[in-house]
Amino acid sequence: MKLLLDSCVWGRARDELQRLGHDVIWMGDSDEDPGDLEIIKRAHEEKRILITLDKDFSAIAVFQGHPHSGILRLVNFSARQQATVCAFVIGLHGEELQAGAIVTAEPGRLRVRPPAGKE
């Protein structure tokens, strides 16, 4: 699966997800933060699921209508839990994410917003 990790996601999560066979880019490797709009645009252009801790991306996608290739938002997980949670959610909802779903993962709870037009 192709993934783009926002810089707020723990950098070592990239390594763990790569070991699981995913194609992962971490924005923390960039010299400077290009901003949320450029990040969501890049993820979409490269057909990558965007993984973030930031709720702004859902607002950009839903309320501003920016296209995306799936968004996974992690809420209240420690840095060391992030890769495990990503792998779990991708295992359950990877196809939906690739189709443009927005998934919010919290301890004990998953919320899935289907892709636009499939609700």
PDB file of N, CA and C in Angstrom:
ATOM      1  N   MET A   1       0.845  -1.161   0.000  1.00  0.00           N
ATOM      2  CA  MET A   1       0.000   0.000   0.000  1.00  0.00           C
ATOM      3  C   MET A   1       0.902   1.238   0.000  1.00  0.00           C
ATOM      4  N   LYS A   2       0.500   2.266  -0.715  1.00  0.00           N
ATOM      5  CA  LYS A   2       1.270   3.507  -0.779  1.00  0.00           C
ATOM      6  C   LYS A   2       0.751   4.462   0.293  1.00  0.00           C
ATOM      7  N   LEU A   3       1.654   4.939   1.141  1.00  0.00           N
ATOM      8  CA  LEU A   3       1.289   5.774   2.279  1.00  0.00           C
ATOM      9  C   LEU A   3       2.133   7.043   2.300  1.00  0.00           C
ATOM     10  N   LEU A   4       1.528   8.124   2.764  1.00  0.00           N
ATOM     11  CA  LEU A   4       2.256   9.357   3.034  1.00  0.00           C
ATOM     12  C   LEU A   4       1.993   9.728   4.479  1.00  0.00           C
ATOM     13  N   LEU A   5       3.033   9.723   5.289  1.00  0.00           N
ATOM     14  CA  LEU A   5       2.901  10.069   6.701  1.00  0.00           C
ATOM     15  C   LEU A   5       3.157  11.555   6.875  1.00  0.00           C
ATOM     16  N   ASP A   6       2.231  12.241   7.503  1.00  0.00           N
ATOM     17  CA  ASP A   6       2.415  13.642   7.848  1.00  0.00           C
ATOM     18  C   ASP A   6       3.590  13.731   8.823  1.00  0.00           C
ATOM     19  N   SER A   7       4.222  14.884   8.895  1.00  0.00           N
ATOM     20  CA  SER A   7       5.394  15.037   9.760  1.00  0.00           C
ATOM     21  C   SER A   7       5.060  14.879  11.239  1.00  0.00           C
ATOM     22  N   CYS A   8       3.790  15.014  11.609  1.00  0.00           N
ATOM     23  CA  CYS A   8       3.400  14.856  13.009  1.00  0.00           C
ATOM     24  C   CYS A   8       3.354  13.389  13.440  1.00  0.00           C
ATOM     25  N   VAL A   9       3.382  12.476  12.472  1.00  0.00           N
ATOM     26  CA  VAL A   9       3.419  11.043  12.772  1.00  0.00           C
ATOM     27  C   VAL A   9       4.868  10.681  13.097  1.00  0.00           C
ATOM     28  N   TRP A  10       5.052   9.810  14.074  1.00  0.00           N
ATOM     29  CA  TRP A  10       6.384   9.399  14.523  1.00  0.00           C
ATOM     30  C   TRP A  10       7.189   8.861  13.346  1.00  0.00           C
ATOM     31  N   GLY A  11       8.376   9.378  13.151  1.00  0.00           N
ATOM     32  CA  GLY A  11       9.221   8.980  12.035  1.00  0.00           C
ATOM     33  C   GLY A  11       9.550   7.502  11.987  1.00  0.00           C
ATOM     34  N   ARG A  12       9.683   6.883  13.133  1.00  0.00           N
ATOM     35  CA  ARG A  12      10.010   5.446  13.133  1.00  0.00           C
ATOM     36  C   ARG A  12       8.823   4.592  12.709  1.00  0.00           C
ATOM     37  N   ALA A  13       7.627   5.181  12.673  1.00  0.00           N
ATOM     38  CA  ALA A  13       6.472   4.452  12.143  1.00  0.00           C
ATOM     39  C   ALA A  13       6.714   4.117  10.670  1.00  0.00           C
ATOM     40  N   ARG A  14       7.395   5.017   9.962  1.00  0.00           N
ATOM     41  CA  ARG A  14       7.737   4.767   8.553  1.00  0.00           C
ATOM     42  C   ARG A  14       8.526   3.468   8.438  1.00  0.00           C
ATOM     43  N   ASP A  15       9.552   3.331   9.258  1.00  0.00           N
ATOM     44  CA  ASP A  15      10.405   2.142   9.189  1.00  0.00           C
ATOM     45  C   ASP A  15       9.604   0.871   9.441  1.00  0.00           C
ATOM     46  N   GLU A  16       8.754   0.918  10.442  1.00  0.00           N
ATOM     47  CA  GLU A  16       7.947  -0.258  10.779  1.00  0.00           C
ATOM     48  C   GLU A  16       6.978  -0.606   9.651  1.00  0.00           C
ATOM     49  N   LEU A  17       6.352   0.413   9.053  1.00  0.00           N
ATOM     50  CA  LEU A  17       5.410   0.164   7.960  1.00  0.00           C
ATOM     51  C   LEU A  17       6.137  -0.321   6.706  1.00  0.00           C
ATOM     52  N   GLN A  18       7.336   0.182   6.462  1.00  0.00           N
ATOM     53  CA  GLN A  18       8.126  -0.309   5.333  1.00  0.00           C
ATOM     54  C   GLN A  18       8.494  -1.775   5.529  1.00  0.00           C
ATOM     55  N   ARG A  19       8.824  -2.157   6.749  1.00  0.00           N
ATOM     56  CA  ARG A  19       9.145  -3.563   7.030  1.00  0.00           C
ATOM     57  C   ARG A  19       7.954  -4.475   6.745  1.00  0.00           C
ATOM     58  N   LEU A  20       6.755  -3.910   6.845  1.00  0.00           N
ATOM     59  CA  LEU A  20       5.547  -4.686   6.556  1.00  0.00           C
ATOM     60  C   LEU A  20       5.226  -4.708   5.062  1.00  0.00           C
ATOM     61  N   GLY A  21       6.066  -4.046   4.260  1.00  0.00           N
ATOM     62  CA  GLY A  21       5.901  -4.095   2.816  1.00  0.00           C
ATOM     63  C   GLY A  21       5.227  -2.889   2.185  1.00  0.00           C
ATOM     64  N   HIS A  22       4.936  -1.858   2.966  1.00  0.00           N
ATOM     65  CA  HIS A  22       4.282  -0.663   2.426  1.00  0.00           C
ATOM     66  C   HIS A  22       5.305   0.285   1.810  1.00  0.00           C
ATOM     67  N   ASP A  23       4.862   1.035   0.822  1.00  0.00           N
ATOM     68  CA  ASP A  23       5.659   2.083   0.177  1.00  0.00           C
ATOM     69  C   ASP A  23       5.341   3.372   0.938  1.00  0.00           C
ATOM     70  N   VAL A  24       6.289   3.862   1.737  1.00  0.00           N
ATOM     71  CA  VAL A  24       6.008   4.941   2.687  1.00  0.00           C
ATOM     72  C   VAL A  24       6.912   6.151   2.469  1.00  0.00           C
ATOM     73  N   ILE A  25       6.292   7.319   2.446  1.00  0.00           N
ATOM     74  CA  ILE A  25       7.004   8.595   2.464  1.00  0.00           C
ATOM     75  C   ILE A  25       6.624   9.286   3.767  1.00  0.00           C
ATOM     76  N   TRP A  26       7.631   9.859   4.451  1.00  0.00           N
ATOM     77  CA  TRP A  26       7.378  10.613   5.694  1.00  0.00           C
ATOM     78  C   TRP A  26       7.731  12.067   5.437  1.00  0.00           C
ATOM     79  N   MET A  27       6.780  12.972   5.659  1.00  0.00           N
ATOM     80  CA  MET A  27       6.991  14.391   5.403  1.00  0.00           C
ATOM     81  C   MET A  27       8.038  15.000   6.333  1.00  0.00           C
ATOM     82  N   GLY A  28       8.367  14.339   7.412  1.00  0.00           N
ATOM     83  CA  GLY A  28       9.412  14.810   8.311  1.00  0.00           C
ATOM     84  C   GLY A  28      10.788  14.816   7.657  1.00  0.00           C
ATOM     85  N   ASP A  29      10.926  14.119   6.534  1.00  0.00           N
ATOM     86  CA  ASP A  29      12.186  14.136   5.791  1.00  0.00           C
ATOM     87  C   ASP A  29      12.337  15.390   4.932  1.00  0.00           C
ATOM     88  N   SER A  30      11.265  16.145   4.764  1.00  0.00           N
ATOM     89  CA  SER A  30      11.309  17.366   3.948  1.00  0.00           C
ATOM     90  C   SER A  30      12.072  18.460   4.680  1.00  0.00           C
ATOM     91  N   ASP A  31      12.710  19.317   3.920  1.00  0.00           N
ATOM     92  CA  ASP A  31      13.460  20.434   4.507  1.00  0.00           C
ATOM     93  C   ASP A  31      12.552  21.417   5.232  1.00  0.00           C
ATOM     94  N   GLU A  32      11.349  21.618   4.698  1.00  0.00           N
ATOM     95  CA  GLU A  32      10.386  22.503   5.354  1.00  0.00           C
ATOM     96  C   GLU A  32       8.986  21.974   5.122  1.00  0.00           C
ATOM     97  N   ASP A  33       8.070  22.389   5.962  1.00  0.00           N
ATOM     98  CA  ASP A  33       6.673  21.961   5.865  1.00  0.00           C
ATOM     99  C   ASP A  33       6.015  22.710   4.709  1.00  0.00           C
ATOM    100  N   PRO A  34       5.546  21.984   3.684  1.00  0.00           N
ATOM    101  CA  PRO A  34       4.930  22.654   2.543  1.00  0.00           C
ATOM    102  C   PRO A  34       3.506  23.139   2.819  1.00  0.00           C
ATOM    103  N   GLY A  35       2.933  22.759   3.951  1.00  0.00           N
ATOM    104  CA  GLY A  35       1.569  23.143   4.291  1.00  0.00           C
ATOM    105  C   GLY A  35       0.583  22.041   3.959  1.00  0.00           C
ATOM    106  N   ASP A  36      -0.550  22.097   4.629  1.00  0.00           N
ATOM    107  CA  ASP A  36      -1.553  21.033   4.514  1.00  0.00           C
ATOM    108  C   ASP A  36      -2.068  20.843   3.087  1.00  0.00           C
ATOM    109  N   LEU A  37      -2.329  21.937   2.374  1.00  0.00           N
ATOM    110  CA  LEU A  37      -2.871  21.802   1.018  1.00  0.00           C
ATOM    111  C   LEU A  37      -1.890  21.092   0.088  1.00  0.00           C
ATOM    112  N   GLU A  38      -0.622  21.416   0.199  1.00  0.00           N
ATOM    113  CA  GLU A  38       0.381  20.753  -0.642  1.00  0.00           C
ATOM    114  C   GLU A  38       0.550  19.289  -0.256  1.00  0.00           C
ATOM    115  N   ILE A  39       0.436  18.995   1.027  1.00  0.00           N
ATOM    116  CA  ILE A  39       0.576  17.613   1.482  1.00  0.00           C
ATOM    117  C   ILE A  39      -0.574  16.758   0.960  1.00  0.00           C
ATOM    118  N   ILE A  40      -1.799  17.237   1.089  1.00  0.00           N
ATOM    119  CA  ILE A  40      -2.945  16.450   0.615  1.00  0.00           C
ATOM    120  C   ILE A  40      -2.907  16.329  -0.908  1.00  0.00           C
ATOM    121  N   LYS A  41      -2.443  17.373  -1.576  1.00  0.00           N
ATOM    122  CA  LYS A  41      -2.317  17.340  -3.039  1.00  0.00           C
ATOM    123  C   LYS A  41      -1.283  16.289  -3.459  1.00  0.00           C
ATOM    124  N   ARG A  42      -0.141  16.292  -2.807  1.00  0.00           N
ATOM    125  CA  ARG A  42       0.906  15.320  -3.143  1.00  0.00           C
ATOM    126  C   ARG A  42       0.428  13.889  -2.916  1.00  0.00           C
ATOM    127  N   ALA A  43      -0.197  13.674  -1.768  1.00  0.00           N
ATOM    128  CA  ALA A  43      -0.699  12.327  -1.476  1.00  0.00           C
ATOM    129  C   ALA A  43      -1.671  11.873  -2.561  1.00  0.00           C
ATOM    130  N   HIS A  44      -2.555  12.767  -2.973  1.00  0.00           N
ATOM    131  CA  HIS A  44      -3.547  12.410  -3.997  1.00  0.00           C
ATOM    132  C   HIS A  44      -2.867  12.161  -5.349  1.00  0.00           C
ATOM    133  N   GLU A  45      -1.954  13.039  -5.738  1.00  0.00           N
ATOM    134  CA  GLU A  45      -1.266  12.876  -7.025  1.00  0.00           C
ATOM    135  C   GLU A  45      -0.495  11.562  -7.089  1.00  0.00           C
ATOM    136  N   GLU A  46       0.057  11.136  -5.965  1.00  0.00           N
ATOM    137  CA  GLU A  46       0.826   9.895  -5.921  1.00  0.00           C
ATOM    138  C   GLU A  46      -0.016   8.693  -5.496  1.00  0.00           C
ATOM    139  N   LYS A  47      -1.334   8.925  -5.335  1.00  0.00           N
ATOM    140  CA  LYS A  47      -2.273   7.871  -4.929  1.00  0.00           C
ATOM    141  C   LYS A  47      -1.832   7.196  -3.629  1.00  0.00           C
ATOM    142  N   ARG A  48      -1.517   8.043  -2.642  1.00  0.00           N
ATOM    143  CA  ARG A  48      -1.092   7.568  -1.333  1.00  0.00           C
ATOM    144  C   ARG A  48      -2.162   7.876  -0.297  1.00  0.00           C
ATOM    145  N   ILE A  49      -2.354   6.969   0.629  1.00  0.00           N
ATOM    146  CA  ILE A  49      -3.213   7.222   1.783  1.00  0.00           C
ATOM    147  C   ILE A  49      -2.444   8.163   2.701  1.00  0.00           C
ATOM    148  N   LEU A  50      -3.074   9.235   3.102  1.00  0.00           N
ATOM    149  CA  LEU A  50      -2.455  10.213   3.996  1.00  0.00           C
ATOM    150  C   LEU A  50      -2.725   9.799   5.436  1.00  0.00           C
ATOM    151  N   ILE A  51      -1.673   9.674   6.223  1.00  0.00           N
ATOM    152  CA  ILE A  51      -1.801   9.315   7.631  1.00  0.00           C
ATOM    153  C   ILE A  51      -1.333  10.500   8.455  1.00  0.00           C
ATOM    154  N   THR A  52      -2.168  10.925   9.399  1.00  0.00           N
ATOM    155  CA  THR A  52      -1.911  12.155  10.144  1.00  0.00           C
ATOM    156  C   THR A  52      -2.497  12.080  11.544  1.00  0.00           C
ATOM    157  N   LEU A  53      -2.100  13.019  12.377  1.00  0.00           N
ATOM    158  CA  LEU A  53      -2.729  13.226  13.675  1.00  0.00           C
ATOM    159  C   LEU A  53      -3.622  14.461  13.617  1.00  0.00           C
ATOM    160  N   ASP A  54      -3.551  15.183  12.536  1.00  0.00           N
ATOM    161  CA  ASP A  54      -4.146  16.505  12.356  1.00  0.00           C
ATOM    162  C   ASP A  54      -5.569  16.413  11.795  1.00  0.00           C
ATOM    163  N   LYS A  55      -6.539  16.968  12.505  1.00  0.00           N
ATOM    164  CA  LYS A  55      -7.921  16.916  12.032  1.00  0.00           C
ATOM    165  C   LYS A  55      -8.191  17.874  10.880  1.00  0.00           C
ATOM    166  N   ASP A  56      -7.275  18.780  10.599  1.00  0.00           N
ATOM    167  CA  ASP A  56      -7.479  19.743   9.519  1.00  0.00           C
ATOM    168  C   ASP A  56      -7.620  19.077   8.153  1.00  0.00           C
ATOM    169  N   PHE A  57      -6.966  17.950   7.942  1.00  0.00           N
ATOM    170  CA  PHE A  57      -7.036  17.306   6.630  1.00  0.00           C
ATOM    171  C   PHE A  57      -8.445  16.817   6.304  1.00  0.00           C
ATOM    172  N   SER A  58      -9.163  16.336   7.294  1.00  0.00           N
ATOM    173  CA  SER A  58     -10.543  15.918   7.056  1.00  0.00           C
ATOM    174  C   SER A  58     -11.390  17.117   6.652  1.00  0.00           C
ATOM    175  N   ALA A  59     -11.181  18.237   7.310  1.00  0.00           N
ATOM    176  CA  ALA A  59     -11.923  19.456   6.964  1.00  0.00           C
ATOM    177  C   ALA A  59     -11.581  19.916   5.555  1.00  0.00           C
ATOM    178  N   ILE A  60     -10.313  19.849   5.195  1.00  0.00           N
ATOM    179  CA  ILE A  60      -9.898  20.236   3.845  1.00  0.00           C
ATOM    180  C   ILE A  60     -10.575  19.343   2.816  1.00  0.00           C
ATOM    181  N   ALA A  61     -10.628  18.061   3.093  1.00  0.00           N
ATOM    182  CA  ALA A  61     -11.234  17.111   2.156  1.00  0.00           C
ATOM    183  C   ALA A  61     -12.749  17.245   2.099  1.00  0.00           C
ATOM    184  N   VAL A  62     -13.383  17.308   3.260  1.00  0.00           N
ATOM    185  CA  VAL A  62     -14.851  17.284   3.306  1.00  0.00           C
ATOM    186  C   VAL A  62     -15.455  18.654   3.016  1.00  0.00           C
ATOM    187  N   PHE A  63     -15.033  19.653   3.737  1.00  0.00           N
ATOM    188  CA  PHE A  63     -15.687  20.957   3.630  1.00  0.00           C
ATOM    189  C   PHE A  63     -15.163  21.808   2.485  1.00  0.00           C
ATOM    190  N   GLN A  64     -13.876  21.644   2.152  1.00  0.00           N
ATOM    191  CA  GLN A  64     -13.318  22.408   1.040  1.00  0.00           C
ATOM    192  C   GLN A  64     -13.321  21.620  -0.262  1.00  0.00           C
ATOM    193  N   GLY A  65     -13.623  20.341  -0.172  1.00  0.00           N
ATOM    194  CA  GLY A  65     -13.765  19.514  -1.367  1.00  0.00           C
ATOM    195  C   GLY A  65     -12.481  19.160  -2.092  1.00  0.00           C
ATOM    196  N   HIS A  66     -11.335  19.223  -1.405  1.00  0.00           N
ATOM    197  CA  HIS A  66     -10.085  18.855  -2.065  1.00  0.00           C
ATOM    198  C   HIS A  66     -10.034  17.347  -2.270  1.00  0.00           C
ATOM    199  N   PRO A  67      -9.652  16.916  -3.454  1.00  0.00           N
ATOM    200  CA  PRO A  67      -9.565  15.472  -3.697  1.00  0.00           C
ATOM    201  C   PRO A  67      -8.447  14.847  -2.866  1.00  0.00           C
ATOM    202  N   HIS A  68      -8.631  13.593  -2.540  1.00  0.00           N
ATOM    203  CA  HIS A  68      -7.639  12.858  -1.757  1.00  0.00           C
ATOM    204  C   HIS A  68      -7.750  11.384  -2.086  1.00  0.00           C
ATOM    205  N   SER A  69      -6.771  10.643  -1.649  1.00  0.00           N
ATOM    206  CA  SER A  69      -6.744   9.199  -1.899  1.00  0.00           C
ATOM    207  C   SER A  69      -6.839   8.423  -0.593  1.00  0.00           C
ATOM    208  N   GLY A  70      -7.668   8.932   0.309  1.00  0.00           N
ATOM    209  CA  GLY A  70      -7.872   8.297   1.605  1.00  0.00           C
ATOM    210  C   GLY A  70      -7.072   8.988   2.691  1.00  0.00           C
ATOM    211  N   ILE A  71      -7.705   9.128   3.846  1.00  0.00           N
ATOM    212  CA  ILE A  71      -7.070   9.778   4.995  1.00  0.00           C
ATOM    213  C   ILE A  71      -7.298   8.909   6.224  1.00  0.00           C
ATOM    214  N   LEU A  72      -6.223   8.631   6.934  1.00  0.00           N
ATOM    215  CA  LEU A  72      -6.296   7.927   8.210  1.00  0.00           C
ATOM    216  C   LEU A  72      -5.800   8.886   9.281  1.00  0.00           C
ATOM    217  N   ARG A  73      -6.683   9.230  10.204  1.00  0.00           N
ATOM    218  CA  ARG A  73      -6.310  10.123  11.307  1.00  0.00           C
ATOM    219  C   ARG A  73      -6.196   9.314  12.590  1.00  0.00           C
ATOM    220  N   LEU A  74      -5.067   9.452  13.250  1.00  0.00           N
ATOM    221  CA  LEU A  74      -4.807   8.763  14.510  1.00  0.00           C
ATOM    222  C   LEU A  74      -5.041   9.734  15.663  1.00  0.00           C
ATOM    223  N   VAL A  75      -5.802   9.301  16.653  1.00  0.00           N
ATOM    224  CA  VAL A  75      -6.143  10.151  17.794  1.00  0.00           C
ATOM    225  C   VAL A  75      -5.782   9.431  19.092  1.00  0.00           C
ATOM    226  N   ASN A  76      -4.970  10.078  19.917  1.00  0.00           N
ATOM    227  CA  ASN A  76      -4.632   9.591  21.259  1.00  0.00           C
ATOM    228  C   ASN A  76      -3.904   8.253  21.292  1.00  0.00           C
ATOM    229  N   PHE A  77      -2.995   8.063  20.342  1.00  0.00           N
ATOM    230  CA  PHE A  77      -2.107   6.907  20.384  1.00  0.00           C
ATOM    231  C   PHE A  77      -0.698   7.405  20.639  1.00  0.00           C
ATOM    232  N   SER A  78       0.059   6.655  21.413  1.00  0.00           N
ATOM    233  CA  SER A  78       1.445   7.035  21.641  1.00  0.00           C
ATOM    234  C   SER A  78       2.224   6.856  20.337  1.00  0.00           C
ATOM    235  N   ALA A  79       3.365   7.485  20.260  1.00  0.00           N
ATOM    236  CA  ALA A  79       4.208   7.370  19.065  1.00  0.00           C
ATOM    237  C   ALA A  79       4.493   5.905  18.758  1.00  0.00           C
ATOM    238  N   ARG A  80       4.809   5.133  19.769  1.00  0.00           N
ATOM    239  CA  ARG A  80       5.167   3.733  19.553  1.00  0.00           C
ATOM    240  C   ARG A  80       3.989   2.871  19.106  1.00  0.00           C
ATOM    241  N   GLN A  81       2.777   3.322  19.305  1.00  0.00           N
ATOM    242  CA  GLN A  81       1.591   2.572  18.874  1.00  0.00           C
ATOM    243  C   GLN A  81       1.183   2.890  17.438  1.00  0.00           C
ATOM    244  N   GLN A  82       1.683   3.976  16.890  1.00  0.00           N
ATOM    245  CA  GLN A  82       1.159   4.479  15.619  1.00  0.00           C
ATOM    246  C   GLN A  82       1.293   3.492  14.459  1.00  0.00           C
ATOM    247  N   ALA A  83       2.439   2.884  14.274  1.00  0.00           N
ATOM    248  CA  ALA A  83       2.606   1.945  13.157  1.00  0.00           C
ATOM    249  C   ALA A  83       1.693   0.736  13.318  1.00  0.00           C
ATOM    250  N   THR A  84       1.576   0.227  14.523  1.00  0.00           N
ATOM    251  CA  THR A  84       0.713  -0.938  14.774  1.00  0.00           C
ATOM    252  C   THR A  84      -0.736  -0.612  14.454  1.00  0.00           C
ATOM    253  N   VAL A  85      -1.178   0.565  14.879  1.00  0.00           N
ATOM    254  CA  VAL A  85      -2.559   0.977  14.604  1.00  0.00           C
ATOM    255  C   VAL A  85      -2.760   1.164  13.105  1.00  0.00           C
ATOM    256  N   CYS A  86      -1.798   1.795  12.437  1.00  0.00           N
ATOM    257  CA  CYS A  86      -1.895   1.976  10.979  1.00  0.00           C
ATOM    258  C   CYS A  86      -2.044   0.632  10.281  1.00  0.00           C
ATOM    259  N   ALA A  87      -1.183  -0.307  10.622  1.00  0.00           N
ATOM    260  CA  ALA A  87      -1.232  -1.623   9.992  1.00  0.00           C
ATOM    261  C   ALA A  87      -2.567  -2.312  10.239  1.00  0.00           C
ATOM    262  N   PHE A  88      -3.085  -2.198  11.461  1.00  0.00           N
ATOM    263  CA  PHE A  88      -4.374  -2.795  11.796  1.00  0.00           C
ATOM    264  C   PHE A  88      -5.499  -2.178  10.972  1.00  0.00           C
ATOM    265  N   VAL A  89      -5.549  -0.847  10.917  1.00  0.00           N
ATOM    266  CA  VAL A  89      -6.619  -0.155  10.183  1.00  0.00           C
ATOM    267  C   VAL A  89      -6.511  -0.435   8.687  1.00  0.00           C
ATOM    268  N   ILE A  90      -5.309  -0.431   8.161  1.00  0.00           N
ATOM    269  CA  ILE A  90      -5.128  -0.719   6.736  1.00  0.00           C
ATOM    270  C   ILE A  90      -5.576  -2.145   6.424  1.00  0.00           C
ATOM    271  N   GLY A  91      -5.307  -3.057   7.333  1.00  0.00           N
ATOM    272  CA  GLY A  91      -5.772  -4.431   7.150  1.00  0.00           C
ATOM    273  C   GLY A  91      -7.286  -4.534   7.091  1.00  0.00           C
ATOM    274  N   LEU A  92      -7.957  -3.744   7.896  1.00  0.00           N
ATOM    275  CA  LEU A  92      -9.421  -3.761   7.931  1.00  0.00           C
ATOM    276  C   LEU A  92     -10.063  -2.906   6.838  1.00  0.00           C
ATOM    277  N   HIS A  93      -9.499  -1.744   6.573  1.00  0.00           N
ATOM    278  CA  HIS A  93     -10.161  -0.754   5.718  1.00  0.00           C
ATOM    279  C   HIS A  93      -9.275  -0.228   4.592  1.00  0.00           C
ATOM    280  N   GLY A  94      -8.242  -0.962   4.215  1.00  0.00           N
ATOM    281  CA  GLY A  94      -7.323  -0.505   3.181  1.00  0.00           C
ATOM    282  C   GLY A  94      -7.989  -0.195   1.850  1.00  0.00           C
ATOM    283  N   GLU A  95      -8.862  -1.082   1.408  1.00  0.00           N
ATOM    284  CA  GLU A  95      -9.542  -0.853   0.127  1.00  0.00           C
ATOM    285  C   GLU A  95     -10.440   0.379   0.192  1.00  0.00           C
ATOM    286  N   GLU A  96     -11.132   0.547   1.305  1.00  0.00           N
ATOM    287  CA  GLU A  96     -11.985   1.727   1.462  1.00  0.00           C
ATOM    288  C   GLU A  96     -11.149   3.000   1.481  1.00  0.00           C
ATOM    289  N   LEU A  97     -10.017   2.958   2.185  1.00  0.00           N
ATOM    290  CA  LEU A  97      -9.133   4.113   2.220  1.00  0.00           C
ATOM    291  C   LEU A  97      -8.641   4.446   0.813  1.00  0.00           C
ATOM    292  N   GLN A  98      -8.186   3.455   0.071  1.00  0.00           N
ATOM    293  CA  GLN A  98      -7.712   3.689  -1.289  1.00  0.00           C
ATOM    294  C   GLN A  98      -8.806   4.267  -2.174  1.00  0.00           C
ATOM    295  N   ALA A  99     -10.047   3.955  -1.870  1.00  0.00           N
ATOM    296  CA  ALA A  99     -11.178   4.477  -2.645  1.00  0.00           C
ATOM    297  C   ALA A  99     -11.575   5.886  -2.195  1.00  0.00           C
ATOM    298  N   GLY A 100     -10.932   6.409  -1.133  1.00  0.00           N
ATOM    299  CA  GLY A 100     -11.217   7.772  -0.700  1.00  0.00           C
ATOM    300  C   GLY A 100     -11.941   7.906   0.623  1.00  0.00           C
ATOM    301  N   ALA A 101     -11.995   6.862   1.408  1.00  0.00           N
ATOM    302  CA  ALA A 101     -12.621   6.949   2.732  1.00  0.00           C
ATOM    303  C   ALA A 101     -11.740   7.769   3.675  1.00  0.00           C
ATOM    304  N   ILE A 102     -12.362   8.276   4.716  1.00  0.00           N
ATOM    305  CA  ILE A 102     -11.645   8.941   5.800  1.00  0.00           C
ATOM    306  C   ILE A 102     -11.904   8.117   7.051  1.00  0.00           C
ATOM    307  N   VAL A 103     -10.839   7.624   7.657  1.00  0.00           N
ATOM    308  CA  VAL A 103     -10.969   6.786   8.848  1.00  0.00           C
ATOM    309  C   VAL A 103     -10.308   7.509  10.015  1.00  0.00           C
ATOM    310  N   THR A 104     -11.038   7.579  11.120  1.00  0.00           N
ATOM    311  CA  THR A 104     -10.488   8.130  12.355  1.00  0.00           C
ATOM    312  C   THR A 104     -10.359   6.981  13.334  1.00  0.00           C
ATOM    313  N   ALA A 105      -9.131   6.764  13.806  1.00  0.00           N
ATOM    314  CA  ALA A 105      -8.858   5.680  14.748  1.00  0.00           C
ATOM    315  C   ALA A 105      -8.537   6.274  16.111  1.00  0.00           C
ATOM    316  N   GLU A 106      -9.298   5.846  17.103  1.00  0.00           N
ATOM    317  CA  GLU A 106      -9.078   6.223  18.498  1.00  0.00           C
ATOM    318  C   GLU A 106      -9.016   4.930  19.293  1.00  0.00           C
ATOM    319  N   PRO A 107      -8.393   4.938  20.464  1.00  0.00           N
ATOM    320  CA  PRO A 107      -8.385   3.719  21.265  1.00  0.00           C
ATOM    321  C   PRO A 107      -9.814   3.199  21.485  1.00  0.00           C
ATOM    322  N   GLY A 108     -10.067   1.978  21.035  1.00  0.00           N
ATOM    323  CA  GLY A 108     -11.374   1.354  21.216  1.00  0.00           C
ATOM    324  C   GLY A 108     -12.442   1.789  20.231  1.00  0.00           C
ATOM    325  N   ARG A 109     -12.074   2.593  19.218  1.00  0.00           N
ATOM    326  CA  ARG A 109     -13.108   3.104  18.308  1.00  0.00           C
ATOM    327  C   ARG A 109     -12.527   3.423  16.940  1.00  0.00           C
ATOM    328  N   LEU A 110     -13.259   3.020  15.889  1.00  0.00           N
ATOM    329  CA  LEU A 110     -12.935   3.390  14.512  1.00  0.00           C
ATOM    330  C   LEU A 110     -14.162   4.036  13.894  1.00  0.00           C
ATOM    331  N   ARG A 111     -13.959   5.171  13.259  1.00  0.00           N
ATOM    332  CA  ARG A 111     -15.048   5.820  12.517  1.00  0.00           C
ATOM    333  C   ARG A 111     -14.635   5.857  11.052  1.00  0.00           C
ATOM    334  N   VAL A 112     -15.533   5.391  10.186  1.00  0.00           N
ATOM    335  CA  VAL A 112     -15.235   5.346   8.769  1.00  0.00           C
ATOM    336  C   VAL A 112     -16.239   6.226   8.034  1.00  0.00           C
ATOM    337  N   ARG A 113     -15.717   7.215   7.333  1.00  0.00           N
ATOM    338  CA  ARG A 113     -16.543   8.052   6.463  1.00  0.00           C
ATOM    339  C   ARG A 113     -16.291   7.549   5.044  1.00  0.00           C
ATOM    340  N   PRO A 114     -17.312   6.948   4.422  1.00  0.00           N
ATOM    341  CA  PRO A 114     -17.120   6.403   3.072  1.00  0.00           C
ATOM    342  C   PRO A 114     -16.720   7.490   2.084  1.00  0.00           C
ATOM    343  N   PRO A 115     -16.163   7.092   0.961  1.00  0.00           N
ATOM    344  CA  PRO A 115     -15.815   8.075  -0.052  1.00  0.00           C
ATOM    345  C   PRO A 115     -17.055   8.844  -0.501  1.00  0.00           C
ATOM    346  N   ALA A 116     -16.859  10.077  -0.927  1.00  0.00           N
ATOM    347  CA  ALA A 116     -17.967  10.907  -1.408  1.00  0.00           C
ATOM    348  C   ALA A 116     -18.753  10.155  -2.469  1.00  0.00           C
ATOM    349  N   GLY A 117     -20.074  10.218  -2.359  1.00  0.00           N
ATOM    350  CA  GLY A 117     -20.931   9.548  -3.316  1.00  0.00           C
ATOM    351  C   GLY A 117     -21.221   8.097  -2.982  1.00  0.00           C
ATOM    352  N   LYS A 118     -20.590   7.551  -1.941  1.00  0.00           N
ATOM    353  CA  LYS A 118     -20.808   6.149  -1.570  1.00  0.00           C
ATOM    354  C   LYS A 118     -21.349   6.043  -0.143  1.00  0.00           C
ATOM    355  N   GLU A 119     -21.907   7.126   0.343  1.00  0.00           N
ATOM    356  CA  GLU A 119     -22.393   7.148   1.729  1.00  0.00           C
ATOM    357  C   GLU A 119     -23.758   6.534   1.843  1.00  0.00           C
TER     358      GLU A 119
END
